[in-house]
PDB file of N, CA and C in Angstrom:
ATOM      1  N   MET A   1     -86.157   3.757  83.818  1.00  0.00           N
ATOM      2  CA  MET A   1     -86.444   3.175  82.525  1.00  0.00           C
ATOM      3  C   MET A   1     -85.124   2.750  81.884  1.00  0.00           C
ATOM      4  N   ASP A   2     -85.183   1.697  81.116  1.00  0.00           N
ATOM      5  CA  ASP A   2     -84.012   1.147  80.450  1.00  0.00           C
ATOM      6  C   ASP A   2     -83.443   2.151  79.448  1.00  0.00           C
ATOM      7  N   GLU A   3     -82.108   2.251  79.405  1.00  0.00           N
ATOM      8  CA  GLU A   3     -81.459   3.219  78.511  1.00  0.00           C
ATOM      9  C   GLU A   3     -81.726   2.928  77.039  1.00  0.00           C
ATOM     10  N   ALA A   4     -81.784   1.666  76.666  1.00  0.00           N
ATOM     11  CA  ALA A   4     -82.033   1.302  75.268  1.00  0.00           C
ATOM     12  C   ALA A   4     -83.423   1.748  74.832  1.00  0.00           C
ATOM     13  N   ILE A   5     -84.398   1.526  75.699  1.00  0.00           N
ATOM     14  CA  ILE A   5     -85.763   1.944  75.376  1.00  0.00           C
ATOM     15  C   ILE A   5     -85.848   3.462  75.307  1.00  0.00           C
ATOM     16  N   GLU A   6     -85.223   4.134  76.258  1.00  0.00           N
ATOM     17  CA  GLU A   6     -85.247   5.600  76.262  1.00  0.00           C
ATOM     18  C   GLU A   6     -84.569   6.165  75.022  1.00  0.00           C
ATOM     19  N   SER A   7     -83.465   5.553  74.625  1.00  0.00           N
ATOM     20  CA  SER A   7     -82.757   6.003  73.423  1.00  0.00           C
ATOM     21  C   SER A   7     -83.627   5.805  72.177  1.00  0.00           C
ATOM     22  N   ARG A   8     -84.288   4.662  72.088  1.00  0.00           N
ATOM     23  CA  ARG A   8     -85.161   4.386  70.947  1.00  0.00           C
ATOM     24  C   ARG A   8     -86.334   5.371  70.914  1.00  0.00           C
ATOM     25  N   TYR A   9     -86.922   5.623  72.058  1.00  0.00           N
ATOM     26  CA  TYR A   9     -88.043   6.566  72.132  1.00  0.00           C
ATOM     27  C   TYR A   9     -87.590   7.969  71.735  1.00  0.00           C
ATOM     28  N   ASN A  10     -86.437   8.386  72.211  1.00  0.00           N
ATOM     29  CA  ASN A  10     -85.944   9.722  71.862  1.00  0.00           C
ATOM     30  C   ASN A  10     -85.650   9.836  70.370  1.00  0.00           C
ATOM     31  N   GLY A  11     -85.121   8.772  69.787  1.00  0.00           N
ATOM     32  CA  GLY A  11     -84.886   8.760  68.343  1.00  0.00           C
ATOM     33  C   GLY A  11     -86.176   8.836  67.548  1.00  0.00           C
ATOM     34  N   SER A  12     -87.163   8.080  67.983  1.00  0.00           N
ATOM     35  CA  SER A  12     -88.464   8.114  67.307  1.00  0.00           C
ATOM     36  C   SER A  12     -89.150   9.461  67.506  1.00  0.00           C
ATOM     37  N   PHE A  13     -88.975  10.043  68.681  1.00  0.00           N
ATOM     38  CA  PHE A  13     -89.555  11.366  68.933  1.00  0.00           C
ATOM     39  C   PHE A  13     -88.903  12.413  68.041  1.00  0.00           C
ATOM     40  N   ALA A  14     -87.604  12.293  67.803  1.00  0.00           N
ATOM     41  CA  ALA A  14     -86.915  13.221  66.898  1.00  0.00           C
ATOM     42  C   ALA A  14     -87.482  13.099  65.483  1.00  0.00           C
ATOM     43  N   LYS A  15     -87.773  11.871  65.052  1.00  0.00           N
ATOM     44  CA  LYS A  15     -88.387  11.681  63.729  1.00  0.00           C
ATOM     45  C   LYS A  15     -89.768  12.334  63.677  1.00  0.00           C
ATOM     46  N   ASP A  16     -90.534  12.183  64.752  1.00  0.00           N
ATOM     47  CA  ASP A  16     -91.843  12.836  64.804  1.00  0.00           C
ATOM     48  C   ASP A  16     -91.709  14.352  64.755  1.00  0.00           C
ATOM     49  N   THR A  17     -90.685  14.873  65.399  1.00  0.00           N
ATOM     50  CA  THR A  17     -90.443  16.314  65.374  1.00  0.00           C
ATOM     51  C   THR A  17     -90.130  16.777  63.954  1.00  0.00           C
ATOM     52  N   TYR A  18     -89.343  16.007  63.220  1.00  0.00           N
ATOM     53  CA  TYR A  18     -89.054  16.344  61.817  1.00  0.00           C
ATOM     54  C   TYR A  18     -90.325  16.300  60.967  1.00  0.00           C
ATOM     55  N   LEU A  19     -91.197  15.323  61.232  1.00  0.00           N
ATOM     56  CA  LEU A  19     -92.461  15.260  60.500  1.00  0.00           C
ATOM     57  C   LEU A  19     -93.332  16.479  60.781  1.00  0.00           C
ATOM     58  N   ILE A  20     -93.372  16.908  62.035  1.00  0.00           N
ATOM     59  CA  ILE A  20     -94.158  18.089  62.398  1.00  0.00           C
ATOM     60  C   ILE A  20     -93.579  19.331  61.728  1.00  0.00           C
ATOM     61  N   ALA A  21     -92.254  19.462  61.752  1.00  0.00           N
ATOM     62  CA  ALA A  21     -91.614  20.611  61.093  1.00  0.00           C
ATOM     63  C   ALA A  21     -91.890  20.585  59.588  1.00  0.00           C
ATOM     64  N   GLY A  22     -91.868  19.404  58.988  1.00  0.00           N
ATOM     65  CA  GLY A  22     -92.188  19.271  57.569  1.00  0.00           C
ATOM     66  C   GLY A  22     -93.630  19.633  57.270  1.00  0.00           C
ATOM     67  N   ALA A  23     -94.535  19.232  58.142  1.00  0.00           N
ATOM     68  CA  ALA A  23     -95.945  19.560  57.956  1.00  0.00           C
ATOM     69  C   ALA A  23     -96.169  21.065  58.056  1.00  0.00           C
ATOM     70  N   ILE A  24     -95.504  21.710  59.002  1.00  0.00           N
ATOM     71  CA  ILE A  24     -95.628  23.165  59.134  1.00  0.00           C
ATOM     72  C   ILE A  24     -95.065  23.858  57.899  1.00  0.00           C
ATOM     73  N   THR A  25     -93.920  23.397  57.406  1.00  0.00           N
ATOM     74  CA  THR A  25     -93.319  23.972  56.207  1.00  0.00           C
ATOM     75  C   THR A  25     -94.231  23.801  54.996  1.00  0.00           C
ATOM     76  N   LEU A  26     -94.775  22.607  54.839  1.00  0.00           N
ATOM     77  CA  LEU A  26     -95.695  22.346  53.734  1.00  0.00           C
ATOM     78  C   LEU A  26     -96.935  23.221  53.846  1.00  0.00           C
ATOM     79  N   LEU A  27     -97.435  23.380  55.049  1.00  0.00           N
ATOM     80  CA  LEU A  27     -98.586  24.247  55.289  1.00  0.00           C
ATOM     81  C   LEU A  27     -98.316  25.671  54.826  1.00  0.00           C
ATOM     82  N   ILE A  28     -97.173  26.212  55.207  1.00  0.00           N
ATOM     83  CA  ILE A  28     -96.829  27.582  54.842  1.00  0.00           C
ATOM     84  C   ILE A  28     -96.658  27.724  53.328  1.00  0.00           C
ATOM     85  N   ILE A  29     -96.005  26.760  52.709  1.00  0.00           N
ATOM     86  CA  ILE A  29     -95.779  26.824  51.262  1.00  0.00           C
ATOM     87  C   ILE A  29     -97.099  26.753  50.489  1.00  0.00           C
ATOM     88  N   VAL A  30     -97.932  25.785  50.827  1.00  0.00           N
ATOM     89  CA  VAL A  30     -99.182  25.593  50.081  1.00  0.00           C
ATOM     90  C   VAL A  30    -100.133  26.765  50.303  1.00  0.00           C
ATOM     91  N   GLU A  31    -100.336  27.149  51.542  1.00  0.00           N
ATOM     92  CA  GLU A  31    -101.261  28.245  51.799  1.00  0.00           C
ATOM     93  C   GLU A  31    -100.703  29.573  51.289  1.00  0.00           C
ATOM     94  N   GLY A  32     -99.401  29.754  51.356  1.00  0.00           N
ATOM     95  CA  GLY A  32     -98.789  30.950  50.790  1.00  0.00           C
ATOM     96  C   GLY A  32     -98.962  30.999  49.283  1.00  0.00           C
ATOM     97  N   TYR A  33     -98.820  29.851  48.634  1.00  0.00           N
ATOM     98  CA  TYR A  33     -99.028  29.794  47.185  1.00  0.00           C
ATOM     99  C   TYR A  33    -100.456  30.153  46.823  1.00  0.00           C
ATOM    100  N   VAL A  34    -101.419  29.643  47.577  1.00  0.00           N
ATOM    101  CA  VAL A  34    -102.826  29.935  47.297  1.00  0.00           C
ATOM    102  C   VAL A  34    -103.102  31.428  47.438  1.00  0.00           C
ATOM    103  N   VAL A  35    -102.647  32.011  48.537  1.00  0.00           N
ATOM    104  CA  VAL A  35    -102.870  33.447  48.749  1.00  0.00           C
ATOM    105  C   VAL A  35    -102.151  34.259  47.682  1.00  0.00           C
ATOM    106  N   PHE A  36    -100.916  33.903  47.362  1.00  0.00           N
ATOM    107  CA  PHE A  36    -100.172  34.619  46.328  1.00  0.00           C
ATOM    108  C   PHE A  36    -100.879  34.519  44.976  1.00  0.00           C
ATOM    109  N   THR A  37    -101.349  33.336  44.626  1.00  0.00           N
ATOM    110  CA  THR A  37    -102.034  33.147  43.350  1.00  0.00           C
ATOM    111  C   THR A  37    -103.309  33.979  43.284  1.00  0.00           C
ATOM    112  N   ILE A  38    -104.078  33.969  44.348  1.00  0.00           N
ATOM    113  CA  ILE A  38    -105.315  34.751  44.367  1.00  0.00           C
ATOM    114  C   ILE A  38    -105.002  36.229  44.208  1.00  0.00           C
ATOM    115  N   LEU A  39    -104.044  36.715  44.974  1.00  0.00           N
ATOM    116  CA  LEU A  39    -103.734  38.143  44.924  1.00  0.00           C
ATOM    117  C   LEU A  39    -103.089  38.544  43.602  1.00  0.00           C
ATOM    118  N   SER A  40    -102.258  37.698  43.033  1.00  0.00           N
ATOM    119  CA  SER A  40    -101.610  38.067  41.778  1.00  0.00           C
ATOM    120  C   SER A  40    -102.572  37.978  40.598  1.00  0.00           C
ATOM    121  N   GLN A  41    -103.502  37.030  40.615  1.00  0.00           N
ATOM    122  CA  GLN A  41    -104.467  36.907  39.519  1.00  0.00           C
ATOM    123  C   GLN A  41    -105.517  38.013  39.573  1.00  0.00           C
ATOM    124  N   ALA A  42    -105.859  38.426  40.757  1.00  0.00           N
ATOM    125  CA  ALA A  42    -106.880  39.465  40.891  1.00  0.00           C
ATOM    126  C   ALA A  42    -106.336  40.822  40.471  1.00  0.00           C
ATOM    127  N   GLY A  43    -105.032  41.004  40.640  1.00  0.00           N
ATOM    128  CA  GLY A  43    -104.396  42.235  40.201  1.00  0.00           C
ATOM    129  C   GLY A  43    -104.933  43.474  40.890  1.00  0.00           C
ATOM    130  N   SER A  44    -105.131  44.512  40.107  1.00  0.00           N
ATOM    131  CA  SER A  44    -105.559  45.785  40.674  1.00  0.00           C
ATOM    132  C   SER A  44    -107.057  45.821  40.963  1.00  0.00           C
ATOM    133  N   ALA A  45    -107.775  44.757  40.611  1.00  0.00           N
ATOM    134  CA  ALA A  45    -109.216  44.722  40.857  1.00  0.00           C
ATOM    135  C   ALA A  45    -109.531  44.575  42.343  1.00  0.00           C
ATOM    136  N   VAL A  46    -108.550  44.120  43.114  1.00  0.00           N
ATOM    137  CA  VAL A  46    -108.754  43.917  44.550  1.00  0.00           C
ATOM    138  C   VAL A  46    -108.224  45.129  45.301  1.00  0.00           C
ATOM    139  N   PRO A  47    -109.081  45.774  46.089  1.00  0.00           N
ATOM    140  CA  PRO A  47    -108.615  46.920  46.869  1.00  0.00           C
ATOM    141  C   PRO A  47    -107.576  46.489  47.913  1.00  0.00           C
ATOM    142  N   SER A  48    -106.778  47.433  48.346  1.00  0.00           N
ATOM    143  CA  SER A  48    -105.717  47.109  49.302  1.00  0.00           C
ATOM    144  C   SER A  48    -106.270  46.611  50.626  1.00  0.00           C
ATOM    145  N   SER A  49    -107.472  47.037  50.992  1.00  0.00           N
ATOM    146  CA  SER A  49    -108.058  46.542  52.249  1.00  0.00           C
ATOM    147  C   SER A  49    -108.365  45.048  52.164  1.00  0.00           C
ATOM    148  N   ILE A  50    -108.797  44.584  51.002  1.00  0.00           N
ATOM    149  CA  ILE A  50    -109.060  43.154  50.815  1.00  0.00           C
ATOM    150  C   ILE A  50    -107.744  42.383  50.813  1.00  0.00           C
ATOM    151  N   ARG A  51    -106.724  42.953  50.207  1.00  0.00           N
ATOM    152  CA  ARG A  51    -105.397  42.309  50.251  1.00  0.00           C
ATOM    153  C   ARG A  51    -104.929  42.154  51.694  1.00  0.00           C
ATOM    154  N   GLY A  52    -105.153  43.175  52.482  1.00  0.00           N
ATOM    155  CA  GLY A  52    -104.795  43.101  53.903  1.00  0.00           C
ATOM    156  C   GLY A  52    -105.555  42.014  54.628  1.00  0.00           C
ATOM    157  N   LEU A  53    -106.835  41.843  54.288  1.00  0.00           N
ATOM    158  CA  LEU A  53    -107.627  40.779  54.909  1.00  0.00           C
ATOM    159  C   LEU A  53    -107.111  39.398  54.504  1.00  0.00           C
ATOM    160  N   TYR A  54    -106.740  39.243  53.244  1.00  0.00           N
ATOM    161  CA  TYR A  54    -106.153  37.973  52.805  1.00  0.00           C
ATOM    162  C   TYR A  54    -104.879  37.669  53.584  1.00  0.00           C
ATOM    163  N   LEU A  55    -104.033  38.675  53.731  1.00  0.00           N
ATOM    164  CA  LEU A  55    -102.778  38.460  54.456  1.00  0.00           C
ATOM    165  C   LEU A  55    -103.028  38.198  55.939  1.00  0.00           C
ATOM    166  N   LEU A  56    -104.001  38.868  56.518  1.00  0.00           N
ATOM    167  CA  LEU A  56    -104.359  38.618  57.911  1.00  0.00           C
ATOM    168  C   LEU A  56    -104.885  37.201  58.066  1.00  0.00           C
ATOM    169  N   PHE A  57    -105.764  36.791  57.155  1.00  0.00           N
ATOM    170  CA  PHE A  57    -106.292  35.431  57.185  1.00  0.00           C
ATOM    171  C   PHE A  57    -105.162  34.408  57.058  1.00  0.00           C
ATOM    172  N   PHE A  58    -104.244  34.652  56.130  1.00  0.00           N
ATOM    173  CA  PHE A  58    -103.095  33.751  55.956  1.00  0.00           C
ATOM    174  C   PHE A  58    -102.301  33.646  57.248  1.00  0.00           C
ATOM    175  N   GLY A  59    -102.012  34.772  57.876  1.00  0.00           N
ATOM    176  CA  GLY A  59    -101.259  34.762  59.128  1.00  0.00           C
ATOM    177  C   GLY A  59    -101.988  34.039  60.239  1.00  0.00           C
ATOM    178  N   LEU A  60    -103.288  34.255  60.329  1.00  0.00           N
ATOM    179  CA  LEU A  60    -104.069  33.577  61.369  1.00  0.00           C
ATOM    180  C   LEU A  60    -104.111  32.069  61.164  1.00  0.00           C
ATOM    181  N   VAL A  61    -104.343  31.648  59.938  1.00  0.00           N
ATOM    182  CA  VAL A  61    -104.409  30.209  59.651  1.00  0.00           C
ATOM    183  C   VAL A  61    -103.068  29.542  59.957  1.00  0.00           C
ATOM    184  N   VAL A  62    -102.001  30.134  59.463  1.00  0.00           N
ATOM    185  CA  VAL A  62    -100.677  29.555  59.704  1.00  0.00           C
ATOM    186  C   VAL A  62    -100.359  29.559  61.200  1.00  0.00           C
ATOM    187  N   GLY A  63    -100.659  30.653  61.872  1.00  0.00           N
ATOM    188  CA  GLY A  63    -100.378  30.742  63.302  1.00  0.00           C
ATOM    189  C   GLY A  63    -101.156  29.731  64.117  1.00  0.00           C
ATOM    190  N   ILE A  64    -102.449  29.616  63.862  1.00  0.00           N
ATOM    191  CA  ILE A  64    -103.290  28.689  64.622  1.00  0.00           C
ATOM    192  C   ILE A  64    -102.879  27.244  64.365  1.00  0.00           C
ATOM    193  N   GLU A  65    -102.640  26.895  63.109  1.00  0.00           N
ATOM    194  CA  GLU A  65    -102.252  25.518  62.803  1.00  0.00           C
ATOM    195  C   GLU A  65    -100.860  25.197  63.340  1.00  0.00           C
ATOM    196  N   THR A  66     -99.962  26.146  63.330  1.00  0.00           N
ATOM    197  CA  THR A  66     -98.628  25.930  63.906  1.00  0.00           C
ATOM    198  C   THR A  66     -98.737  25.686  65.400  1.00  0.00           C
ATOM    199  N   ILE A  67     -99.546  26.468  66.085  1.00  0.00           N
ATOM    200  CA  ILE A  67     -99.753  26.251  67.519  1.00  0.00           C
ATOM    201  C   ILE A  67    -100.323  24.856  67.764  1.00  0.00           C
ATOM    202  N   GLY A  68    -101.253  24.437  66.923  1.00  0.00           N
ATOM    203  CA  GLY A  68    -101.819  23.093  67.046  1.00  0.00           C
ATOM    204  C   GLY A  68    -100.775  22.006  66.875  1.00  0.00           C
ATOM    205  N   TYR A  69     -99.932  22.131  65.852  1.00  0.00           N
ATOM    206  CA  TYR A  69     -98.867  21.149  65.639  1.00  0.00           C
ATOM    207  C   TYR A  69     -97.910  21.114  66.824  1.00  0.00           C
ATOM    208  N   LEU A  70     -97.551  22.270  67.341  1.00  0.00           N
ATOM    209  CA  LEU A  70     -96.617  22.312  68.469  1.00  0.00           C
ATOM    210  C   LEU A  70     -97.246  21.746  69.732  1.00  0.00           C
ATOM    211  N   GLN A  71     -98.554  21.887  69.904  1.00  0.00           N
ATOM    212  CA  GLN A  71     -99.234  21.291  71.050  1.00  0.00           C
ATOM    213  C   GLN A  71     -99.251  19.766  70.937  1.00  0.00           C
ATOM    214  N   VAL A  72     -99.409  19.256  69.722  1.00  0.00           N
ATOM    215  CA  VAL A  72     -99.348  17.805  69.509  1.00  0.00           C
ATOM    216  C   VAL A  72     -97.960  17.290  69.870  1.00  0.00           C
ATOM    217  N   ARG A  73     -96.919  18.004  69.426  1.00  0.00           N
ATOM    218  CA  ARG A  73     -95.555  17.609  69.753  1.00  0.00           C
ATOM    219  C   ARG A  73     -95.332  17.609  71.259  1.00  0.00           C
ATOM    220  N   LYS A  74     -95.818  18.638  71.927  1.00  0.00           N
ATOM    221  CA  LYS A  74     -95.673  18.744  73.379  1.00  0.00           C
ATOM    222  C   LYS A  74     -96.382  17.579  74.078  1.00  0.00           C
ATOM    223  N   SER A  75     -97.570  17.226  73.593  1.00  0.00           N
ATOM    224  CA  SER A  75     -98.318  16.125  74.179  1.00  0.00           C
ATOM    225  C   SER A  75     -97.601  14.796  73.981  1.00  0.00           C
ATOM    226  N   ILE A  76     -97.054  14.584  72.781  1.00  0.00           N
ATOM    227  CA  ILE A  76     -96.305  13.349  72.527  1.00  0.00           C
ATOM    228  C   ILE A  76     -95.109  13.267  73.462  1.00  0.00           C
ATOM    229  N   LYS A  77     -94.372  14.360  73.590  1.00  0.00           N
ATOM    230  CA  LYS A  77     -93.191  14.364  74.448  1.00  0.00           C
ATOM    231  C   LYS A  77     -93.564  14.101  75.904  1.00  0.00           C
ATOM    232  N   GLN A  78     -94.669  14.670  76.331  1.00  0.00           N
ATOM    233  CA  GLN A  78     -95.083  14.535  77.724  1.00  0.00           C
ATOM    234  C   GLN A  78     -95.539  13.111  78.042  1.00  0.00           C
ATOM    235  N   HIS A  79     -96.179  12.444  77.100  1.00  0.00           N
ATOM    236  CA  HIS A  79     -96.802  11.154  77.388  1.00  0.00           C
ATOM    237  C   HIS A  79     -96.179   9.967  76.657  1.00  0.00           C
ATOM    238  N   MET A  80     -95.059  10.156  75.958  1.00  0.00           N
ATOM    239  CA  MET A  80     -94.549   9.067  75.126  1.00  0.00           C
ATOM    240  C   MET A  80     -94.144   7.846  75.932  1.00  0.00           C
ATOM    241  N   PHE A  81     -93.677   8.012  77.155  1.00  0.00           N
ATOM    242  CA  PHE A  81     -93.303   6.860  77.962  1.00  0.00           C
ATOM    243  C   PHE A  81     -94.516   6.267  78.665  1.00  0.00           C
ATOM    244  N   ASP A  82     -95.489   7.106  79.011  1.00  0.00           N
ATOM    245  CA  ASP A  82     -96.685   6.618  79.713  1.00  0.00           C
ATOM    246  C   ASP A  82     -97.540   5.733  78.814  1.00  0.00           C
ATOM    247  N   PHE A  83     -97.755   6.164  77.573  1.00  0.00           N
ATOM    248  CA  PHE A  83     -98.645   5.440  76.672  1.00  0.00           C
ATOM    249  C   PHE A  83     -97.906   4.512  75.722  1.00  0.00           C
ATOM    250  N   ARG A  84     -96.586   4.454  75.849  1.00  0.00           N
ATOM    251  CA  ARG A  84     -95.762   3.561  75.021  1.00  0.00           C
ATOM    252  C   ARG A  84     -96.050   3.768  73.526  1.00  0.00           C
ATOM    253  N   TYR A  85     -95.884   5.004  73.089  1.00  0.00           N
ATOM    254  CA  TYR A  85     -96.170   5.360  71.696  1.00  0.00           C
ATOM    255  C   TYR A  85     -95.353   4.544  70.693  1.00  0.00           C
ATOM    256  N   TYR A  86     -94.139   4.263  71.023  1.00  0.00           N
ATOM    257  CA  TYR A  86     -93.221   3.700  70.031  1.00  0.00           C
ATOM    258  C   TYR A  86     -92.960   2.201  70.215  1.00  0.00           C
ATOM    259  N   ASP A  87     -93.809   1.523  70.931  1.00  0.00           N
ATOM    260  CA  ASP A  87     -93.646   0.069  71.088  1.00  0.00           C
ATOM    261  C   ASP A  87     -94.365  -0.676  69.996  1.00  0.00           C
TER     262      ASP A  87
END
């Protein structure tokens, strides 16, 4: 493959990687804010077991969505030259 095309594809792939990292960061911030707001507003009315479930749910959601984003990145990297993503 031509070096110019490969360089352009790698540059565009790096931009996509930054977008994925930004999406993961935004995901953690927004969902963390929601969980924090719920737990702080509920105060002592929420038993500690429910707080644990909220935190478990938060961890699962963030973990599953992060794995999904990383799988998309892996797929783009694997097929970017085959499907000509950046042409």
